[in-house]
Each structure stands twice: as C-alpha cells, then as structure tokens.
Amino acid sequence: MTDRARERAAGPLLHRPVTVHAWQDIVFAHWRSDPGALARLVPRGTRPDVVDGSAWVGLSAYVFDETRVPPFPSAGRLGRMTEVTLEVLTVDDQGRHGVTYRTVDTANVPAIVAAHALLGVPYTFAHAGSRRRGDTVAHRSVRHSGRVRHPFRWAHSLHRDRAPDAPRPRGAASVRVHAGDVVDTPLAAELTTRAGIHARYLAQTLFWQRQHAPLTVRSARLDQLEGDLPAAVGLSGLFDREPDSLLVVDGTTVRYSWGGVIR
C-alpha cells in the first residue's frame, strides 16, 4: 500500500465514530471511465476522481457484520447484512478522495431508514445474500418482488438459462470471483482505500469520514458477473465488459464519523 493510501486509511477521525462495522468477503470491481461522462452523477462540490489517468466506477459487495453505534455494544445478528453497491470514485475541493454511492442495495430495513434519514446515502431495499467457499466469494442482490420468499435461490441457478418469457428483475446484480495472491500496487490501494463518503442530503453535500486499518488486498479472477442494476442507477452497459480491476479483501473493521458539509 502506498504511503498516501496508508495515511488515508488510518488517519485520525475528526469526530467520535457514529458507527463501527466489520466488513467481510469484500469484492471490489472497478471500470475505467471518462470523467465527463460521470460528472452529472456526483454531488455538488465534488468531481470524478482521476486515478491512473481515468475516472472510475466501482461495484463493491461485502458482508456487513458486528455493527456498533458507540458507546453501545455490538448489535450482533441484528446488524448483519449483505450490501451490494455501485459507486463513483470522487474527490472534493479539499482534496478528500472518497466515493459517491449510486445505490447501496441491502435487505436490512433499519439500515435503509437510518441511512436515508441521517446520512443521505441512497440505500435501497433488495433481497441480498452472500456465500463463500474457500477462495470463491459470491454476492447477489435482487430487487424483484418475485424473489421475496427465496432470496438465496440464486445460488442454485447461476448457470441456468433464463426462459424467453421470464420476467427480468428490476435492479439485480450478482458477482462471483476466485481470490488469488496478495497484491500491493499503487492502483489497488487507490481504488480500495477511500477517505469517506460524499453524499447528497437535501440541498447539501455531506462528507462522512471512513477509517480502517491498512488493507491486505488480493487479486481475483472473475467467474460470473451479471444483472441490470447499473441501468437502474444511470450506469447502463457497465457489466457488458469485464472490470479493469478486480480485487478481494478478506475483512476489515470500518469506522465512520462526521466529516463536514462540503456545499
């Protein structure tokens, strides 16, 4: 990890943490993009972050566990969920390198309500699940109401052909990768280690600071990636090509705190 990314990950929080979470089985998929094409998708006071000559769109998917709201103890199973996100890497006028979420899809209703009411983060209800077998990690999110009673049925049907007359889900995403060796490159560090979240909240742009230990990042091989979730959030065609960067982090603990109003 570069010194800059290491400082970004472990930098002191400006305020007391508002939430603390364990992230497990994290998949990072990133695609190069044109900054001009993404400018309309980011909040005022921010712009697409150019890293290694490109702006970047990302999919991040992980198991969100052991949630705490200091000074209270862990919420245990009540705080466990899968999150599947689509995001644009952003930077603000103060030079803080963050992400702007286009969506965070999850089945945890309390998290959705709190994120919308307090954080300005666009959480969306979906039937989301994760599986890990050895170094193979899979995450899936489906907004379609027909999957309500069987949110994990996807795990048994990843290779089935869809019937011609079958309804297409409105906002689905699934990713399965096989994790490989540890990588320690400047690009991997920049794509995975972000200083926080840039979020629209009413007429303002907010910054929520993120802190975690330096990440151990692994390379990954793509086994499967599909879904129409990108089209639902203004990123049509994203899954039509393989990611330009595909990485896995086995786990970390993430702390969020208030970072300030940008504009």
C-alpha atoms as a PDB file:
ATOM      1  CA  MET A   1       0.000   0.000   0.000  1.00  0.00           C
ATOM      2  CA  THR A   2       1.295   3.466  -0.852  1.00  0.00           C
ATOM      3  CA  ASP A   3       2.126   5.841   1.966  1.00  0.00           C
ATOM      4  CA  ARG A   4      -0.666   8.158   0.836  1.00  0.00           C
ATOM      5  CA  ALA A   5      -3.255   5.392   0.929  1.00  0.00           C
ATOM      6  CA  ARG A   6      -1.937   4.152   4.280  1.00  0.00           C
ATOM      7  CA  GLU A   7      -2.342   7.625   5.753  1.00  0.00           C
ATOM      8  CA  ARG A   8      -5.820   7.882   4.240  1.00  0.00           C
ATOM      9  CA  ALA A   9      -6.910   4.572   5.776  1.00  0.00           C
ATOM     10  CA  ALA A  10      -5.617   5.179   9.272  1.00  0.00           C
ATOM     11  CA  GLY A  11      -5.983   8.962   9.507  1.00  0.00           C
ATOM     12  CA  PRO A  12      -7.475  10.180  12.807  1.00  0.00           C
ATOM     13  CA  LEU A  13     -11.211  10.706  12.856  1.00  0.00           C
ATOM     14  CA  LEU A  14     -12.241  14.325  13.310  1.00  0.00           C
ATOM     15  CA  HIS A  15     -15.188  13.340  15.494  1.00  0.00           C
ATOM     16  CA  ARG A  16     -16.332  10.400  17.588  1.00  0.00           C
ATOM     17  CA  PRO A  17     -17.392   7.399  15.437  1.00  0.00           C
ATOM     18  CA  VAL A  18     -21.091   7.236  14.689  1.00  0.00           C
ATOM     19  CA  THR A  19     -20.945   3.600  13.503  1.00  0.00           C
ATOM     20  CA  VAL A  20     -18.414   0.770  13.557  1.00  0.00           C
ATOM     21  CA  HIS A  21     -18.748  -2.281  11.296  1.00  0.00           C
ATOM     22  CA  ALA A  22     -16.872  -5.433  10.396  1.00  0.00           C
ATOM     23  CA  TRP A  23     -16.685  -5.942   6.625  1.00  0.00           C
ATOM     24  CA  GLN A  24     -16.043  -9.472   5.391  1.00  0.00           C
ATOM     25  CA  ASP A  25     -15.503 -11.087   1.975  1.00  0.00           C
ATOM     26  CA  ILE A  26     -15.189  -7.759   0.179  1.00  0.00           C
ATOM     27  CA  VAL A  27     -15.209  -7.793  -3.624  1.00  0.00           C
ATOM     28  CA  PHE A  28     -14.036  -4.659  -5.430  1.00  0.00           C
ATOM     29  CA  ALA A  29     -14.685  -4.430  -9.180  1.00  0.00           C
ATOM     30  CA  HIS A  30     -13.722  -1.204 -10.952  1.00  0.00           C
ATOM     31  CA  TRP A  31     -14.084   0.070 -14.505  1.00  0.00           C
ATOM     32  CA  ARG A  32     -12.223   2.930 -16.174  1.00  0.00           C
ATOM     33  CA  SER A  33     -14.498   5.717 -17.392  1.00  0.00           C
ATOM     34  CA  ASP A  34     -14.435   9.184 -18.889  1.00  0.00           C
ATOM     35  CA  PRO A  35     -14.638  11.941 -16.232  1.00  0.00           C
ATOM     36  CA  GLY A  36     -17.053  13.971 -18.350  1.00  0.00           C
ATOM     37  CA  ALA A  37     -19.491  11.074 -18.588  1.00  0.00           C
ATOM     38  CA  LEU A  38     -19.633  10.775 -14.787  1.00  0.00           C
ATOM     39  CA  ALA A  39     -19.761  14.453 -13.840  1.00  0.00           C
ATOM     40  CA  ARG A  40     -23.567  14.568 -13.748  1.00  0.00           C
ATOM     41  CA  LEU A  41     -23.682  11.618 -11.338  1.00  0.00           C
ATOM     42  CA  VAL A  42     -21.732  13.172  -8.458  1.00  0.00           C
ATOM     43  CA  PRO A  43     -22.822  15.750  -5.855  1.00  0.00           C
ATOM     44  CA  ARG A  44     -22.073  19.466  -5.991  1.00  0.00           C
ATOM     45  CA  GLY A  45     -18.649  20.292  -4.647  1.00  0.00           C
ATOM     46  CA  THR A  46     -17.160  17.023  -5.892  1.00  0.00           C
ATOM     47  CA  ARG A  47     -15.878  15.688  -9.194  1.00  0.00           C
ATOM     48  CA  PRO A  48     -14.909  12.256 -10.520  1.00  0.00           C
ATOM     49  CA  ASP A  49     -11.521  11.298  -9.115  1.00  0.00           C
ATOM     50  CA  VAL A  50      -8.938  10.659 -11.819  1.00  0.00           C
ATOM     51  CA  VAL A  51      -6.657   7.778 -10.805  1.00  0.00           C
ATOM     52  CA  ASP A  52      -4.030   6.358 -13.156  1.00  0.00           C
ATOM     53  CA  GLY A  53      -5.350   8.548 -15.969  1.00  0.00           C
ATOM     54  CA  SER A  54      -9.039   7.565 -15.676  1.00  0.00           C
ATOM     55  CA  ALA A  55     -12.165   8.221 -13.705  1.00  0.00           C
ATOM     56  CA  TRP A  56     -13.561   5.053 -12.118  1.00  0.00           C
ATOM     57  CA  VAL A  57     -16.914   3.398 -11.475  1.00  0.00           C
ATOM     58  CA  GLY A  58     -16.981   0.614  -8.922  1.00  0.00           C
ATOM     59  CA  LEU A  59     -19.024  -2.275  -7.628  1.00  0.00           C
ATOM     60  CA  SER A  60     -18.335  -3.159  -4.014  1.00  0.00           C
ATOM     61  CA  ALA A  61     -20.058  -6.103  -2.346  1.00  0.00           C
ATOM     62  CA  TYR A  62     -19.479  -7.478   1.134  1.00  0.00           C
ATOM     63  CA  VAL A  63     -20.942  -8.884   4.325  1.00  0.00           C
ATOM     64  CA  PHE A  64     -21.601  -6.124   6.827  1.00  0.00           C
ATOM     65  CA  ASP A  65     -21.360  -7.511  10.372  1.00  0.00           C
ATOM     66  CA  GLU A  66     -20.950  -6.719  14.065  1.00  0.00           C
ATOM     67  CA  THR A  67     -22.485  -3.274  13.797  1.00  0.00           C
ATOM     68  CA  ARG A  68     -21.961  -0.946  16.744  1.00  0.00           C
ATOM     69  CA  VAL A  69     -23.218   2.548  17.418  1.00  0.00           C
ATOM     70  CA  PRO A  70     -20.797   3.831  20.078  1.00  0.00           C
ATOM     71  CA  PRO A  71     -20.986   3.811  23.027  1.00  0.00           C
ATOM     72  CA  PHE A  72     -23.435   0.889  22.755  1.00  0.00           C
ATOM     73  CA  PRO A  73     -22.251  -2.730  22.323  1.00  0.00           C
ATOM     74  CA  SER A  74     -22.477  -4.764  19.128  1.00  0.00           C
ATOM     75  CA  ALA A  75     -25.926  -5.250  17.621  1.00  0.00           C
ATOM     76  CA  GLY A  76     -24.980  -8.866  16.856  1.00  0.00           C
ATOM     77  CA  ARG A  77     -27.111 -10.593  14.248  1.00  0.00           C
ATOM     78  CA  LEU A  78     -29.407  -7.576  14.031  1.00  0.00           C
ATOM     79  CA  GLY A  79     -26.540  -5.741  12.382  1.00  0.00           C
ATOM     80  CA  ARG A  80     -25.578  -8.462   9.874  1.00  0.00           C
ATOM     81  CA  MET A  81     -26.377  -7.991   6.181  1.00  0.00           C
ATOM     82  CA  THR A  82     -25.055  -8.154   2.653  1.00  0.00           C
ATOM     83  CA  GLU A  83     -24.532  -4.884   0.801  1.00  0.00           C
ATOM     84  CA  VAL A  84     -24.082  -4.554  -2.952  1.00  0.00           C
ATOM     85  CA  THR A  85     -23.098  -1.060  -4.039  1.00  0.00           C
ATOM     86  CA  LEU A  86     -22.446   0.851  -7.234  1.00  0.00           C
ATOM     87  CA  GLU A  87     -20.302   3.922  -6.782  1.00  0.00           C
ATOM     88  CA  VAL A  88     -18.269   6.621  -8.478  1.00  0.00           C
ATOM     89  CA  LEU A  89     -14.846   7.481  -7.092  1.00  0.00           C
ATOM     90  CA  THR A  90     -14.891  11.172  -6.204  1.00  0.00           C
ATOM     91  CA  VAL A  91     -12.704  13.939  -4.842  1.00  0.00           C
ATOM     92  CA  ASP A  92     -13.843  17.210  -3.297  1.00  0.00           C
ATOM     93  CA  ASP A  93     -12.361  20.708  -3.321  1.00  0.00           C
ATOM     94  CA  GLN A  94     -10.494  19.942  -0.085  1.00  0.00           C
ATOM     95  CA  GLY A  95      -8.717  17.048  -1.764  1.00  0.00           C
ATOM     96  CA  ARG A  96     -10.540  14.280   0.104  1.00  0.00           C
ATOM     97  CA  HIS A  97     -10.718  11.124  -2.016  1.00  0.00           C
ATOM     98  CA  GLY A  98     -13.999   9.356  -1.416  1.00  0.00           C
ATOM     99  CA  VAL A  99     -16.862   7.561  -3.081  1.00  0.00           C
ATOM    100  CA  THR A 100     -20.328   8.657  -4.116  1.00  0.00           C
ATOM    101  CA  TYR A 101     -22.795   5.808  -3.912  1.00  0.00           C
ATOM    102  CA  ARG A 102     -25.312   5.485  -6.726  1.00  0.00           C
ATOM    103  CA  THR A 103     -27.026   2.780  -4.693  1.00  0.00           C
ATOM    104  CA  VAL A 104     -26.442   0.541  -1.696  1.00  0.00           C
ATOM    105  CA  ASP A 105     -28.728  -2.486  -2.031  1.00  0.00           C
ATOM    106  CA  THR A 106     -29.466  -4.488   1.123  1.00  0.00           C
ATOM    107  CA  ALA A 107     -32.265  -6.298   2.931  1.00  0.00           C
ATOM    108  CA  ASN A 108     -31.696  -4.537   6.263  1.00  0.00           C
ATOM    109  CA  VAL A 109     -34.676  -2.199   6.673  1.00  0.00           C
ATOM    110  CA  PRO A 110     -33.394  -0.318   9.777  1.00  0.00           C
ATOM    111  CA  ALA A 111     -30.153   0.466   7.919  1.00  0.00           C
ATOM    112  CA  ILE A 112     -32.121   1.766   4.942  1.00  0.00           C
ATOM    113  CA  VAL A 113     -34.257   4.061   7.082  1.00  0.00           C
ATOM    114  CA  ALA A 114     -31.288   5.380   9.082  1.00  0.00           C
ATOM    115  CA  ALA A 115     -29.094   5.936   6.019  1.00  0.00           C
ATOM    116  CA  HIS A 116     -31.759   7.936   4.208  1.00  0.00           C
ATOM    117  CA  ALA A 117     -32.797   9.959   7.255  1.00  0.00           C
ATOM    118  CA  LEU A 118     -29.384  10.705   8.726  1.00  0.00           C
ATOM    119  CA  LEU A 119     -26.616  10.147   6.180  1.00  0.00           C
ATOM    120  CA  GLY A 120     -28.007  10.949   2.751  1.00  0.00           C
ATOM    121  CA  VAL A 121     -26.728   7.608   1.428  1.00  0.00           C
ATOM    122  CA  PRO A 122     -29.085   6.058  -1.191  1.00  0.00           C
ATOM    123  CA  TYR A 123     -29.851   2.705   0.384  1.00  0.00           C
ATOM    124  CA  THR A 124     -32.411   0.574  -1.479  1.00  0.00           C
ATOM    125  CA  PHE A 125     -34.304  -2.494  -0.277  1.00  0.00           C
ATOM    126  CA  ALA A 126     -33.255  -5.686  -2.033  1.00  0.00           C
ATOM    127  CA  HIS A 127     -33.013  -9.382  -1.256  1.00  0.00           C
ATOM    128  CA  ALA A 128     -29.277  -9.735  -0.846  1.00  0.00           C
ATOM    129  CA  GLY A 129     -27.093 -12.650   0.139  1.00  0.00           C
ATOM    130  CA  SER A 130     -23.501 -13.856   0.150  1.00  0.00           C
ATOM    131  CA  ARG A 131     -21.655 -17.169   0.030  1.00  0.00           C
ATOM    132  CA  ARG A 132     -18.031 -18.130   0.461  1.00  0.00           C
ATOM    133  CA  ARG A 133     -16.432 -21.489  -0.209  1.00  0.00           C
ATOM    134  CA  GLY A 134     -12.678 -21.446   0.169  1.00  0.00           C
ATOM    135  CA  ASP A 135     -11.357 -18.645  -2.008  1.00  0.00           C
ATOM    136  CA  THR A 136     -14.576 -18.354  -4.040  1.00  0.00           C
ATOM    137  CA  VAL A 137     -16.707 -15.399  -2.955  1.00  0.00           C
ATOM    138  CA  ALA A 138     -20.194 -14.638  -4.305  1.00  0.00           C
ATOM    139  CA  HIS A 139     -22.659 -11.841  -3.631  1.00  0.00           C
ATOM    140  CA  ARG A 140     -26.134 -11.314  -5.059  1.00  0.00           C
ATOM    141  CA  SER A 141     -28.792  -8.606  -4.792  1.00  0.00           C
ATOM    142  CA  VAL A 142     -32.271  -8.698  -6.364  1.00  0.00           C
ATOM    143  CA  ARG A 143     -34.955  -6.041  -6.090  1.00  0.00           C
ATOM    144  CA  HIS A 144     -37.610  -8.118  -7.920  1.00  0.00           C
ATOM    145  CA  SER A 145     -40.659  -8.831  -5.719  1.00  0.00           C
ATOM    146  CA  GLY A 146     -40.928 -12.390  -7.059  1.00  0.00           C
ATOM    147  CA  ARG A 147     -37.804 -13.361  -5.071  1.00  0.00           C
ATOM    148  CA  VAL A 148     -39.187 -12.295  -1.679  1.00  0.00           C
ATOM    149  CA  ARG A 149     -39.547 -15.775  -0.231  1.00  0.00           C
ATOM    150  CA  HIS A 150     -36.415 -17.237  -1.757  1.00  0.00           C
ATOM    151  CA  PRO A 151     -33.633 -14.632  -1.570  1.00  0.00           C
ATOM    152  CA  PHE A 152     -30.915 -17.302  -1.843  1.00  0.00           C
ATOM    153  CA  ARG A 153     -32.401 -19.355  -4.683  1.00  0.00           C
ATOM    154  CA  TRP A 154     -29.907 -17.631  -6.986  1.00  0.00           C
ATOM    155  CA  ALA A 155     -27.118 -19.770  -5.545  1.00  0.00           C
ATOM    156  CA  HIS A 156     -28.612 -22.877  -7.154  1.00  0.00           C
ATOM    157  CA  SER A 157     -29.405 -21.320 -10.515  1.00  0.00           C
ATOM    158  CA  LEU A 158     -26.422 -19.225 -11.536  1.00  0.00           C
ATOM    159  CA  HIS A 159     -25.835 -21.365 -14.622  1.00  0.00           C
ATOM    160  CA  ARG A 160     -29.439 -21.872 -15.751  1.00  0.00           C
ATOM    161  CA  ASP A 161     -30.620 -20.199 -18.924  1.00  0.00           C
ATOM    162  CA  ARG A 162     -33.410 -17.682 -18.398  1.00  0.00           C
ATOM    163  CA  ALA A 163     -36.679 -18.704 -20.095  1.00  0.00           C
ATOM    164  CA  PRO A 164     -37.576 -16.397 -23.024  1.00  0.00           C
ATOM    165  CA  ASP A 165     -40.778 -15.233 -21.341  1.00  0.00           C
ATOM    166  CA  ALA A 166     -39.371 -14.966 -17.819  1.00  0.00           C
ATOM    167  CA  PRO A 167     -39.698 -11.510 -16.213  1.00  0.00           C
ATOM    168  CA  ARG A 168     -36.439  -9.640 -15.890  1.00  0.00           C
ATOM    169  CA  PRO A 169     -35.667  -8.300 -12.386  1.00  0.00           C
ATOM    170  CA  ARG A 170     -35.651  -4.552 -11.932  1.00  0.00           C
ATOM    171  CA  GLY A 171     -32.252  -3.975 -10.407  1.00  0.00           C
ATOM    172  CA  ALA A 172     -30.286  -7.177  -9.912  1.00  0.00           C
ATOM    173  CA  ALA A 173     -26.555  -7.738  -9.589  1.00  0.00           C
ATOM    174  CA  SER A 174     -24.523 -10.848  -8.936  1.00  0.00           C
ATOM    175  CA  VAL A 175     -20.787 -11.312  -8.802  1.00  0.00           C
ATOM    176  CA  ARG A 176     -18.652 -14.382  -8.133  1.00  0.00           C
ATOM    177  CA  VAL A 177     -14.858 -14.313  -8.006  1.00  0.00           C
ATOM    178  CA  HIS A 178     -11.949 -16.530  -7.022  1.00  0.00           C
ATOM    179  CA  ALA A 179      -9.426 -14.739  -4.815  1.00  0.00           C
ATOM    180  CA  GLY A 180      -5.728 -15.084  -5.589  1.00  0.00           C
ATOM    181  CA  ASP A 181      -2.425 -13.760  -4.306  1.00  0.00           C
ATOM    182  CA  VAL A 182      -1.784 -10.592  -2.329  1.00  0.00           C
ATOM    183  CA  VAL A 183      -1.143  -7.521  -4.481  1.00  0.00           C
ATOM    184  CA  ASP A 184       0.447  -4.295  -3.282  1.00  0.00           C
ATOM    185  CA  THR A 185       0.287  -1.763  -6.103  1.00  0.00           C
ATOM    186  CA  PRO A 186      -0.482   1.957  -6.029  1.00  0.00           C
ATOM    187  CA  LEU A 187      -3.577   1.442  -8.211  1.00  0.00           C
ATOM    188  CA  ALA A 188      -5.025  -1.284  -5.979  1.00  0.00           C
ATOM    189  CA  ALA A 189      -4.507   0.914  -2.934  1.00  0.00           C
ATOM    190  CA  GLU A 190      -6.129   3.959  -4.536  1.00  0.00           C
ATOM    191  CA  LEU A 191      -9.188   2.037  -5.684  1.00  0.00           C
ATOM    192  CA  THR A 192      -9.855   0.277  -2.381  1.00  0.00           C
ATOM    193  CA  THR A 193      -8.803   2.848   0.218  1.00  0.00           C
ATOM    194  CA  ARG A 194     -11.056   5.894   0.206  1.00  0.00           C
ATOM    195  CA  ALA A 195     -11.226   8.615   2.840  1.00  0.00           C
ATOM    196  CA  GLY A 196     -15.006   8.574   3.125  1.00  0.00           C
ATOM    197  CA  ILE A 197     -18.403   9.067   1.508  1.00  0.00           C
ATOM    198  CA  HIS A 198     -19.624  12.085  -0.443  1.00  0.00           C
ATOM    199  CA  ALA A 199     -23.410  12.151  -0.102  1.00  0.00           C
ATOM    200  CA  ARG A 200     -26.276  14.358  -1.207  1.00  0.00           C
ATOM    201  CA  TYR A 201     -28.558  15.338   1.658  1.00  0.00           C
ATOM    202  CA  LEU A 202     -31.422  17.668   0.756  1.00  0.00           C
ATOM    203  CA  ALA A 203     -29.685  20.680  -0.849  1.00  0.00           C
ATOM    204  CA  GLN A 204     -26.287  19.958   0.683  1.00  0.00           C
ATOM    205  CA  THR A 205     -23.309  17.710   0.002  1.00  0.00           C
ATOM    206  CA  LEU A 206     -22.005  15.949   3.105  1.00  0.00           C
ATOM    207  CA  PHE A 207     -18.768  14.131   3.814  1.00  0.00           C
ATOM    208  CA  TRP A 208     -18.655  11.103   6.120  1.00  0.00           C
ATOM    209  CA  GLN A 209     -15.134  10.139   7.120  1.00  0.00           C
ATOM    210  CA  ARG A 210     -14.084   6.471   6.894  1.00  0.00           C
ATOM    211  CA  GLN A 211     -11.251   4.884   8.866  1.00  0.00           C
ATOM    212  CA  HIS A 212      -9.823   1.359   8.852  1.00  0.00           C
ATOM    213  CA  ALA A 213      -6.505  -0.428   9.166  1.00  0.00           C
ATOM    214  CA  PRO A 214      -4.360  -0.737   6.023  1.00  0.00           C
ATOM    215  CA  LEU A 215      -5.944  -3.354   3.796  1.00  0.00           C
ATOM    216  CA  THR A 216      -4.441  -6.627   2.659  1.00  0.00           C
ATOM    217  CA  VAL A 217      -5.618  -6.732  -0.956  1.00  0.00           C
ATOM    218  CA  ARG A 218      -5.729  -9.872  -3.104  1.00  0.00           C
ATOM    219  CA  SER A 219      -6.042 -10.253  -6.843  1.00  0.00           C
ATOM    220  CA  ALA A 220      -9.146 -12.019  -8.153  1.00  0.00           C
ATOM    221  CA  ARG A 221     -10.382 -13.948 -11.182  1.00  0.00           C
ATOM    222  CA  LEU A 222     -13.900 -13.242 -12.408  1.00  0.00           C
ATOM    223  CA  ASP A 223     -16.194 -16.281 -12.524  1.00  0.00           C
ATOM    224  CA  GLN A 224     -19.528 -14.531 -13.060  1.00  0.00           C
ATOM    225  CA  LEU A 225     -20.926 -11.005 -13.287  1.00  0.00           C
ATOM    226  CA  GLU A 226     -24.425 -10.156 -14.440  1.00  0.00           C
ATOM    227  CA  GLY A 227     -27.503  -8.066 -13.743  1.00  0.00           C
ATOM    228  CA  ASP A 228     -29.340  -4.917 -14.725  1.00  0.00           C
ATOM    229  CA  LEU A 229     -28.627  -2.891 -11.594  1.00  0.00           C
ATOM    230  CA  PRO A 230     -26.262  -0.476 -13.430  1.00  0.00           C
ATOM    231  CA  ALA A 231     -29.048   0.591 -15.788  1.00  0.00           C
ATOM    232  CA  ALA A 232     -31.261   1.398 -12.796  1.00  0.00           C
ATOM    233  CA  VAL A 233     -28.729   3.913 -11.456  1.00  0.00           C
ATOM    234  CA  GLY A 234     -27.543   5.649 -14.624  1.00  0.00           C
ATOM    235  CA  LEU A 235     -24.651   3.324 -15.489  1.00  0.00           C
ATOM    236  CA  SER A 236     -26.087   1.346 -18.399  1.00  0.00           C
ATOM    237  CA  GLY A 237     -23.762  -1.158 -20.017  1.00  0.00           C
ATOM    238  CA  LEU A 238     -21.342  -1.349 -17.101  1.00  0.00           C
ATOM    239  CA  PHE A 239     -21.483  -5.148 -16.860  1.00  0.00           C
ATOM    240  CA  ASP A 240     -21.086  -5.592 -20.615  1.00  0.00           C
ATOM    241  CA  ARG A 241     -17.327  -5.737 -20.223  1.00  0.00           C
ATOM    242  CA  GLU A 242     -15.062  -7.232 -17.594  1.00  0.00           C
ATOM    243  CA  PRO A 243     -13.749  -4.946 -14.866  1.00  0.00           C
ATOM    244  CA  ASP A 244     -10.413  -3.223 -15.394  1.00  0.00           C
ATOM    245  CA  SER A 245      -9.549  -4.033 -11.790  1.00  0.00           C
ATOM    246  CA  LEU A 246     -10.844  -6.932  -9.686  1.00  0.00           C
ATOM    247  CA  LEU A 247      -9.749  -7.311  -6.074  1.00  0.00           C
ATOM    248  CA  VAL A 248     -10.736  -9.056  -2.841  1.00  0.00           C
ATOM    249  CA  VAL A 249     -10.203  -8.105   0.798  1.00  0.00           C
ATOM    250  CA  ASP A 250     -10.953 -10.863   3.307  1.00  0.00           C
ATOM    251  CA  GLY A 251     -12.002  -8.480   6.057  1.00  0.00           C
ATOM    252  CA  THR A 252     -11.521  -5.241   7.948  1.00  0.00           C
ATOM    253  CA  THR A 253     -13.215  -3.084  10.589  1.00  0.00           C
ATOM    254  CA  VAL A 254     -14.571   0.235   9.336  1.00  0.00           C
ATOM    255  CA  ARG A 255     -15.380   3.309  11.417  1.00  0.00           C
ATOM    256  CA  TYR A 256     -17.460   6.227  10.169  1.00  0.00           C
ATOM    257  CA  SER A 257     -17.641   9.715  11.613  1.00  0.00           C
ATOM    258  CA  TRP A 258     -18.963  13.123  10.664  1.00  0.00           C
ATOM    259  CA  GLY A 259     -16.653  14.911   8.239  1.00  0.00           C
ATOM    260  CA  GLY A 260     -18.489  18.133   7.482  1.00  0.00           C
ATOM    261  CA  VAL A 261     -20.622  19.950   4.925  1.00  0.00           C
ATOM    262  CA  ILE A 262     -18.941  20.463   1.552  1.00  0.00           C
ATOM    263  CA  ARG A 263     -21.505  22.725  -0.032  1.00  0.00           C
END
